[in-house]
PDB file of all heavy atoms in Angstrom:
ATOM      1  N   TRP A   1     109.963  -3.741 -60.920  1.00  0.00           N
ATOM      2  CA  TRP A   1     110.301  -2.325 -61.275  1.00  0.00           C
ATOM      3  C   TRP A   1     110.133  -1.413 -60.045  1.00  0.00           C
ATOM      4  O   TRP A   1     109.272  -1.754 -59.195  1.00  0.00           O
ATOM      5  CB  TRP A   1     109.525  -1.891 -62.496  1.00  0.00           C
ATOM      6  CG  TRP A   1     109.967  -2.578 -63.734  1.00  0.00           C
ATOM      7  CD1 TRP A   1     109.507  -3.806 -64.192  1.00  0.00           C
ATOM      8  CD2 TRP A   1     110.959  -2.193 -64.610  1.00  0.00           C
ATOM      9  NE1 TRP A   1     110.099  -4.178 -65.374  1.00  0.00           N
ATOM     10  CE2 TRP A   1     111.079  -3.172 -65.675  1.00  0.00           C
ATOM     11  CE3 TRP A   1     111.833  -1.051 -64.708  1.00  0.00           C
ATOM     12  CZ2 TRP A   1     111.932  -3.041 -66.746  1.00  0.00           C
ATOM     13  CZ3 TRP A   1     112.692  -0.980 -65.813  1.00  0.00           C
ATOM     14  CH2 TRP A   1     112.797  -1.856 -66.828  1.00  0.00           C
ATOM     15  N   ASP A   2     110.486  -0.229 -60.073  1.00  0.00           N
ATOM     16  CA  ASP A   2     110.432   0.801 -59.128  1.00  0.00           C
ATOM     17  C   ASP A   2     108.918   1.047 -58.839  1.00  0.00           C
ATOM     18  O   ASP A   2     108.115   1.262 -59.641  1.00  0.00           O
ATOM     19  CB  ASP A   2     110.998   2.113 -59.673  1.00  0.00           C
ATOM     20  CG  ASP A   2     112.334   2.090 -60.293  1.00  0.00           C
ATOM     21  OD1 ASP A   2     112.444   1.276 -61.357  1.00  0.00           O
ATOM     22  OD2 ASP A   2     113.269   2.551 -59.663  1.00  0.00           O
ATOM     23  N   GLY A   3     108.729   1.082 -57.508  1.00  0.00           N
ATOM     24  CA  GLY A   3     107.259   1.469 -56.951  1.00  0.00           C
ATOM     25  C   GLY A   3     106.309   0.348 -57.036  1.00  0.00           C
ATOM     26  O   GLY A   3     105.061   0.487 -56.739  1.00  0.00           O
ATOM     27  N   GLU A   4     106.709  -0.853 -57.501  1.00  0.00           N
ATOM     28  CA  GLU A   4     105.669  -1.921 -57.651  1.00  0.00           C
ATOM     29  C   GLU A   4     105.418  -2.737 -56.351  1.00  0.00           C
ATOM     30  O   GLU A   4     106.368  -2.890 -55.587  1.00  0.00           O
ATOM     31  CB  GLU A   4     106.296  -2.933 -58.755  1.00  0.00           C
ATOM     32  CG  GLU A   4     106.046  -2.472 -60.061  1.00  0.00           C
ATOM     33  CD  GLU A   4     106.198  -3.694 -61.073  1.00  0.00           C
ATOM     34  OE1 GLU A   4     107.237  -4.405 -60.959  1.00  0.00           O
ATOM     35  OE2 GLU A   4     105.385  -3.807 -61.998  1.00  0.00           O
ATOM     36  N   ALA A   5     104.342  -3.416 -56.399  1.00  0.00           N
ATOM     37  CA  ALA A   5     103.966  -4.414 -55.298  1.00  0.00           C
ATOM     38  C   ALA A   5     103.535  -5.664 -56.104  1.00  0.00           C
ATOM     39  O   ALA A   5     102.590  -5.653 -56.703  1.00  0.00           O
ATOM     40  CB  ALA A   5     102.872  -3.999 -54.343  1.00  0.00           C
ATOM     41  N   VAL A   6     104.307  -6.762 -55.969  1.00  0.00           N
ATOM     42  CA  VAL A   6     103.963  -7.982 -56.669  1.00  0.00           C
ATOM     43  C   VAL A   6     103.626  -9.049 -55.676  1.00  0.00           C
ATOM     44  O   VAL A   6     104.468  -9.331 -54.819  1.00  0.00           O
ATOM     45  CB  VAL A   6     105.209  -8.436 -57.612  1.00  0.00           C
ATOM     46  CG1 VAL A   6     104.922  -9.710 -58.262  1.00  0.00           C
ATOM     47  CG2 VAL A   6     105.638  -7.302 -58.583  1.00  0.00           C
ATOM     48  N   ALA A   7     102.490  -9.682 -55.782  1.00  0.00           N
ATOM     49  CA  ALA A   7     102.071 -10.709 -54.985  1.00  0.00           C
ATOM     50  C   ALA A   7     102.382 -12.092 -55.642  1.00  0.00           C
ATOM     51  O   ALA A   7     102.008 -12.301 -56.784  1.00  0.00           O
ATOM     52  CB  ALA A   7     100.578 -10.569 -54.690  1.00  0.00           C
ATOM     53  N   LEU A   8     103.032 -12.948 -54.906  1.00  0.00           N
ATOM     54  CA  LEU A   8     103.161 -14.274 -55.364  1.00  0.00           C
ATOM     55  C   LEU A   8     102.122 -15.196 -54.702  1.00  0.00           C
ATOM     56  O   LEU A   8     101.951 -15.225 -53.445  1.00  0.00           O
ATOM     57  CB  LEU A   8     104.513 -14.876 -54.752  1.00  0.00           C
ATOM     58  CG  LEU A   8     105.822 -14.147 -55.262  1.00  0.00           C
ATOM     59  CD1 LEU A   8     107.040 -14.844 -54.760  1.00  0.00           C
ATOM     60  CD2 LEU A   8     105.839 -13.925 -56.789  1.00  0.00           C
ATOM     61  N   VAL A   9     101.360 -15.871 -55.523  1.00  0.00           N
ATOM     62  CA  VAL A   9     100.121 -16.636 -55.024  1.00  0.00           C
ATOM     63  C   VAL A   9     100.375 -18.060 -55.595  1.00  0.00           C
ATOM     64  O   VAL A   9     101.075 -18.361 -56.565  1.00  0.00           O
ATOM     65  CB  VAL A   9      98.858 -16.081 -55.460  1.00  0.00           C
ATOM     66  CG1 VAL A   9      98.664 -14.671 -54.924  1.00  0.00           C
ATOM     67  CG2 VAL A   9      98.692 -16.031 -56.973  1.00  0.00           C
ATOM     68  N   GLY A  10      99.747 -19.016 -54.921  1.00  0.00           N
ATOM     69  CA  GLY A  10      99.704 -20.305 -55.283  1.00  0.00           C
ATOM     70  C   GLY A  10      99.704 -21.263 -54.126  1.00  0.00           C
ATOM     71  O   GLY A  10      99.828 -20.831 -52.903  1.00  0.00           O
ATOM     72  N   PRO A  11      99.362 -22.532 -54.231  1.00  0.00           N
ATOM     73  CA  PRO A  11      99.299 -23.458 -53.164  1.00  0.00           C
ATOM     74  C   PRO A  11     100.635 -23.711 -52.505  1.00  0.00           C
ATOM     75  O   PRO A  11     101.626 -23.329 -52.972  1.00  0.00           O
ATOM     76  CB  PRO A  11      98.750 -24.810 -53.783  1.00  0.00           C
ATOM     77  CG  PRO A  11      99.181 -24.636 -55.261  1.00  0.00           C
ATOM     78  CD  PRO A  11      99.122 -23.216 -55.532  1.00  0.00           C
ATOM     79  N   ASN A  12     100.641 -24.324 -51.241  1.00  0.00           N
ATOM     80  CA  ASN A  12     101.806 -24.625 -50.634  1.00  0.00           C
ATOM     81  C   ASN A  12     102.605 -25.606 -51.473  1.00  0.00           C
ATOM     82  O   ASN A  12     102.062 -26.495 -52.155  1.00  0.00           O
ATOM     83  CB  ASN A  12     101.528 -25.407 -49.247  1.00  0.00           C
ATOM     84  CG  ASN A  12     100.924 -24.460 -48.272  1.00  0.00           C
ATOM     85  OD1 ASN A  12     101.108 -23.209 -48.299  1.00  0.00           O
ATOM     86  ND2 ASN A  12     100.140 -24.944 -47.316  1.00  0.00           N
ATOM     87  N   GLY A  13     103.986 -25.411 -51.508  1.00  0.00           N
ATOM     88  CA  GLY A  13     104.788 -26.139 -52.281  1.00  0.00           C
ATOM     89  C   GLY A  13     104.886 -25.754 -53.787  1.00  0.00           C
ATOM     90  O   GLY A  13     105.446 -26.495 -54.582  1.00  0.00           O
ATOM     91  N   ALA A  14     104.282 -24.679 -54.165  1.00  0.00           N
ATOM     92  CA  ALA A  14     104.215 -24.179 -55.501  1.00  0.00           C
ATOM     93  C   ALA A  14     105.436 -23.577 -56.061  1.00  0.00           C
ATOM     94  O   ALA A  14     105.727 -23.526 -57.214  1.00  0.00           O
ATOM     95  CB  ALA A  14     103.148 -23.170 -55.737  1.00  0.00           C
ATOM     96  N   GLY A  15     106.396 -23.193 -55.077  1.00  0.00           N
ATOM     97  CA  GLY A  15     107.717 -22.569 -55.446  1.00  0.00           C
ATOM     98  C   GLY A  15     107.828 -21.192 -55.088  1.00  0.00           C
ATOM     99  O   GLY A  15     108.857 -20.533 -55.405  1.00  0.00           O
ATOM    100  N   LYS A  16     106.908 -20.561 -54.274  1.00  0.00           N
ATOM    101  CA  LYS A  16     106.912 -19.188 -53.879  1.00  0.00           C
ATOM    102  C   LYS A  16     108.202 -18.904 -53.105  1.00  0.00           C
ATOM    103  O   LYS A  16     108.893 -17.983 -53.361  1.00  0.00           O
ATOM    104  CB  LYS A  16     105.662 -18.822 -53.120  1.00  0.00           C
ATOM    105  CG  LYS A  16     104.405 -19.058 -53.994  1.00  0.00           C
ATOM    106  CD  LYS A  16     103.047 -18.561 -53.160  1.00  0.00           C
ATOM    107  CE  LYS A  16     102.854 -19.157 -51.916  1.00  0.00           C
ATOM    108  NZ  LYS A  16     102.556 -20.676 -51.905  1.00  0.00           N
ATOM    109  N   SER A  17     108.362 -19.621 -51.983  1.00  0.00           N
ATOM    110  CA  SER A  17     109.536 -19.457 -51.122  1.00  0.00           C
ATOM    111  C   SER A  17     110.896 -19.593 -51.891  1.00  0.00           C
ATOM    112  O   SER A  17     111.774 -18.951 -51.629  1.00  0.00           O
ATOM    113  CB  SER A  17     109.386 -20.409 -49.892  1.00  0.00           C
ATOM    114  OG  SER A  17     108.276 -20.091 -49.098  1.00  0.00           O
ATOM    115  N   THR A  18     110.899 -20.600 -52.739  1.00  0.00           N
ATOM    116  CA  THR A  18     112.012 -20.829 -53.535  1.00  0.00           C
ATOM    117  C   THR A  18     112.417 -19.541 -54.399  1.00  0.00           C
ATOM    118  O   THR A  18     113.591 -19.172 -54.507  1.00  0.00           O
ATOM    119  CB  THR A  18     112.027 -22.054 -54.328  1.00  0.00           C
ATOM    120  OG1 THR A  18     111.806 -23.192 -53.531  1.00  0.00           O
ATOM    121  CG2 THR A  18     113.240 -22.347 -55.166  1.00  0.00           C
ATOM    122  N   LEU A  19     111.406 -19.111 -55.086  1.00  0.00           N
ATOM    123  CA  LEU A  19     111.673 -17.927 -55.872  1.00  0.00           C
ATOM    124  C   LEU A  19     112.082 -16.705 -55.068  1.00  0.00           C
ATOM    125  O   LEU A  19     112.983 -16.085 -55.494  1.00  0.00           O
ATOM    126  CB  LEU A  19     110.268 -17.646 -56.676  1.00  0.00           C
ATOM    127  CG  LEU A  19     110.379 -16.245 -57.508  1.00  0.00           C
ATOM    128  CD1 LEU A  19     111.500 -16.330 -58.484  1.00  0.00           C
ATOM    129  CD2 LEU A  19     108.985 -16.060 -58.276  1.00  0.00           C
ATOM    130  N   LEU A  20     111.435 -16.560 -53.970  1.00  0.00           N
ATOM    131  CA  LEU A  20     111.899 -15.390 -53.068  1.00  0.00           C
ATOM    132  C   LEU A  20     113.394 -15.582 -52.631  1.00  0.00           C
ATOM    133  O   LEU A  20     114.159 -14.635 -52.560  1.00  0.00           O
ATOM    134  CB  LEU A  20     111.008 -15.270 -51.829  1.00  0.00           C
ATOM    135  CG  LEU A  20     109.662 -14.563 -52.117  1.00  0.00           C
ATOM    136  CD1 LEU A  20     108.720 -14.742 -50.880  1.00  0.00           C
ATOM    137  CD2 LEU A  20     109.788 -13.185 -52.486  1.00  0.00           C
ATOM    138  N   ALA A  21     113.737 -16.818 -52.226  1.00  0.00           N
ATOM    139  CA  ALA A  21     115.095 -17.044 -51.905  1.00  0.00           C
ATOM    140  C   ALA A  21     116.114 -16.906 -52.924  1.00  0.00           C
ATOM    141  O   ALA A  21     117.169 -16.294 -52.717  1.00  0.00           O
ATOM    142  CB  ALA A  21     115.194 -18.493 -51.248  1.00  0.00           C
ATOM    143  N   LEU A  22     115.636 -17.121 -54.192  1.00  0.00           N
ATOM    144  CA  LEU A  22     116.555 -16.958 -55.426  1.00  0.00           C
ATOM    145  C   LEU A  22     116.721 -15.356 -55.577  1.00  0.00           C
ATOM    146  O   LEU A  22     117.846 -14.808 -55.711  1.00  0.00           O
ATOM    147  CB  LEU A  22     115.956 -17.560 -56.645  1.00  0.00           C
ATOM    148  CG  LEU A  22     116.055 -19.066 -56.716  1.00  0.00           C
ATOM    149  CD1 LEU A  22     115.336 -19.506 -58.023  1.00  0.00           C
ATOM    150  CD2 LEU A  22     117.434 -19.505 -56.710  1.00  0.00           C
ATOM    151  N   LEU A  23     115.673 -14.684 -55.458  1.00  0.00           N
ATOM    152  CA  LEU A  23     115.580 -13.289 -55.696  1.00  0.00           C
ATOM    153  C   LEU A  23     116.475 -12.512 -54.603  1.00  0.00           C
ATOM    154  O   LEU A  23     117.205 -11.563 -54.808  1.00  0.00           O
ATOM    155  CB  LEU A  23     114.262 -12.713 -55.703  1.00  0.00           C
ATOM    156  CG  LEU A  23     113.404 -13.019 -56.810  1.00  0.00           C
ATOM    157  CD1 LEU A  23     111.922 -12.546 -56.619  1.00  0.00           C
ATOM    158  CD2 LEU A  23     113.929 -12.359 -58.142  1.00  0.00           C
ATOM    159  N   ALA A  24     116.470 -13.133 -53.351  1.00  0.00           N
ATOM    160  CA  ALA A  24     117.200 -12.529 -52.268  1.00  0.00           C
ATOM    161  C   ALA A  24     118.635 -12.946 -52.273  1.00  0.00           C
ATOM    162  O   ALA A  24     119.503 -12.295 -51.636  1.00  0.00           O
ATOM    163  CB  ALA A  24     116.620 -13.002 -50.937  1.00  0.00           C
ATOM    164  N   GLY A  25     119.027 -13.783 -53.112  1.00  0.00           N
ATOM    165  CA  GLY A  25     120.416 -14.277 -53.145  1.00  0.00           C
ATOM    166  C   GLY A  25     120.697 -15.331 -52.090  1.00  0.00           C
ATOM    167  O   GLY A  25     121.912 -15.708 -51.955  1.00  0.00           O
ATOM    168  N   ALA A  26     119.766 -15.747 -51.378  1.00  0.00           N
ATOM    169  CA  ALA A  26     119.964 -16.787 -50.365  1.00  0.00           C
ATOM    170  C   ALA A  26     120.146 -18.135 -50.967  1.00  0.00           C
ATOM    171  O   ALA A  26     120.749 -19.026 -50.295  1.00  0.00           O
ATOM    172  CB  ALA A  26     118.823 -16.764 -49.456  1.00  0.00           C
ATOM    173  N   LEU A  27     119.617 -18.476 -52.174  1.00  0.00           N
ATOM    174  CA  LEU A  27     119.873 -19.580 -52.925  1.00  0.00           C
ATOM    175  C   LEU A  27     120.458 -19.250 -54.235  1.00  0.00           C
ATOM    176  O   LEU A  27     120.108 -18.226 -54.847  1.00  0.00           O
ATOM    177  CB  LEU A  27     118.502 -20.457 -53.200  1.00  0.00           C
ATOM    178  CG  LEU A  27     117.835 -21.179 -52.098  1.00  0.00           C
ATOM    179  CD1 LEU A  27     116.619 -21.782 -52.470  1.00  0.00           C
ATOM    180  CD2 LEU A  27     118.805 -22.300 -51.562  1.00  0.00           C
ATOM    181  N   GLU A  28     121.311 -20.155 -54.750  1.00  0.00           N
ATOM    182  CA  GLU A  28     121.854 -19.902 -56.147  1.00  0.00           C
ATOM    183  C   GLU A  28     120.865 -20.637 -57.069  1.00  0.00           C
ATOM    184  O   GLU A  28     120.387 -21.732 -56.894  1.00  0.00           O
ATOM    185  CB  GLU A  28     123.188 -20.492 -56.247  1.00  0.00           C
ATOM    186  CG  GLU A  28     124.206 -19.724 -55.509  1.00  0.00           C
ATOM    187  CD  GLU A  28     125.695 -20.163 -55.767  1.00  0.00           C
ATOM    188  OE1 GLU A  28     125.775 -21.055 -56.748  1.00  0.00           O
ATOM    189  OE2 GLU A  28     126.623 -19.712 -55.109  1.00  0.00           O
ATOM    190  N   ALA A  29     120.704 -19.973 -58.243  1.00  0.00           N
ATOM    191  CA  ALA A  29     119.935 -20.629 -59.335  1.00  0.00           C
ATOM    192  C   ALA A  29     120.621 -21.899 -59.929  1.00  0.00           C
ATOM    193  O   ALA A  29     121.882 -21.728 -60.187  1.00  0.00           O
ATOM    194  CB  ALA A  29     119.483 -19.612 -60.459  1.00  0.00           C
ATOM    195  N   SER A  30     119.908 -22.923 -60.082  1.00  0.00           N
ATOM    196  CA  SER A  30     120.488 -24.121 -60.838  1.00  0.00           C
ATOM    197  C   SER A  30     120.617 -23.835 -62.343  1.00  0.00           C
ATOM    198  O   SER A  30     121.501 -24.311 -62.999  1.00  0.00           O
ATOM    199  CB  SER A  30     119.658 -25.302 -60.517  1.00  0.00           C
ATOM    200  OG  SER A  30     119.472 -25.596 -59.094  1.00  0.00           O
ATOM    201  N   VAL A  31     119.579 -23.008 -62.868  1.00  0.00           N
ATOM    202  CA  VAL A  31     119.704 -22.601 -64.161  1.00  0.00           C
ATOM    203  C   VAL A  31     119.340 -21.127 -64.180  1.00  0.00           C
ATOM    204  O   VAL A  31     118.700 -20.639 -63.346  1.00  0.00           O
ATOM    205  CB  VAL A  31     118.696 -23.362 -65.151  1.00  0.00           C
ATOM    206  CG1 VAL A  31     119.072 -24.874 -65.185  1.00  0.00           C
ATOM    207  CG2 VAL A  31     117.220 -23.213 -64.601  1.00  0.00           C
TER     208      VAL A  31
END
């Protein structure tokens, strides 16, 4: 939402980069 700062946390390989790439439109969602 407007004005927010959301931190993605978790160990390496948890899916943080994949989620960002989906949000960016650089990857298409499989579901």
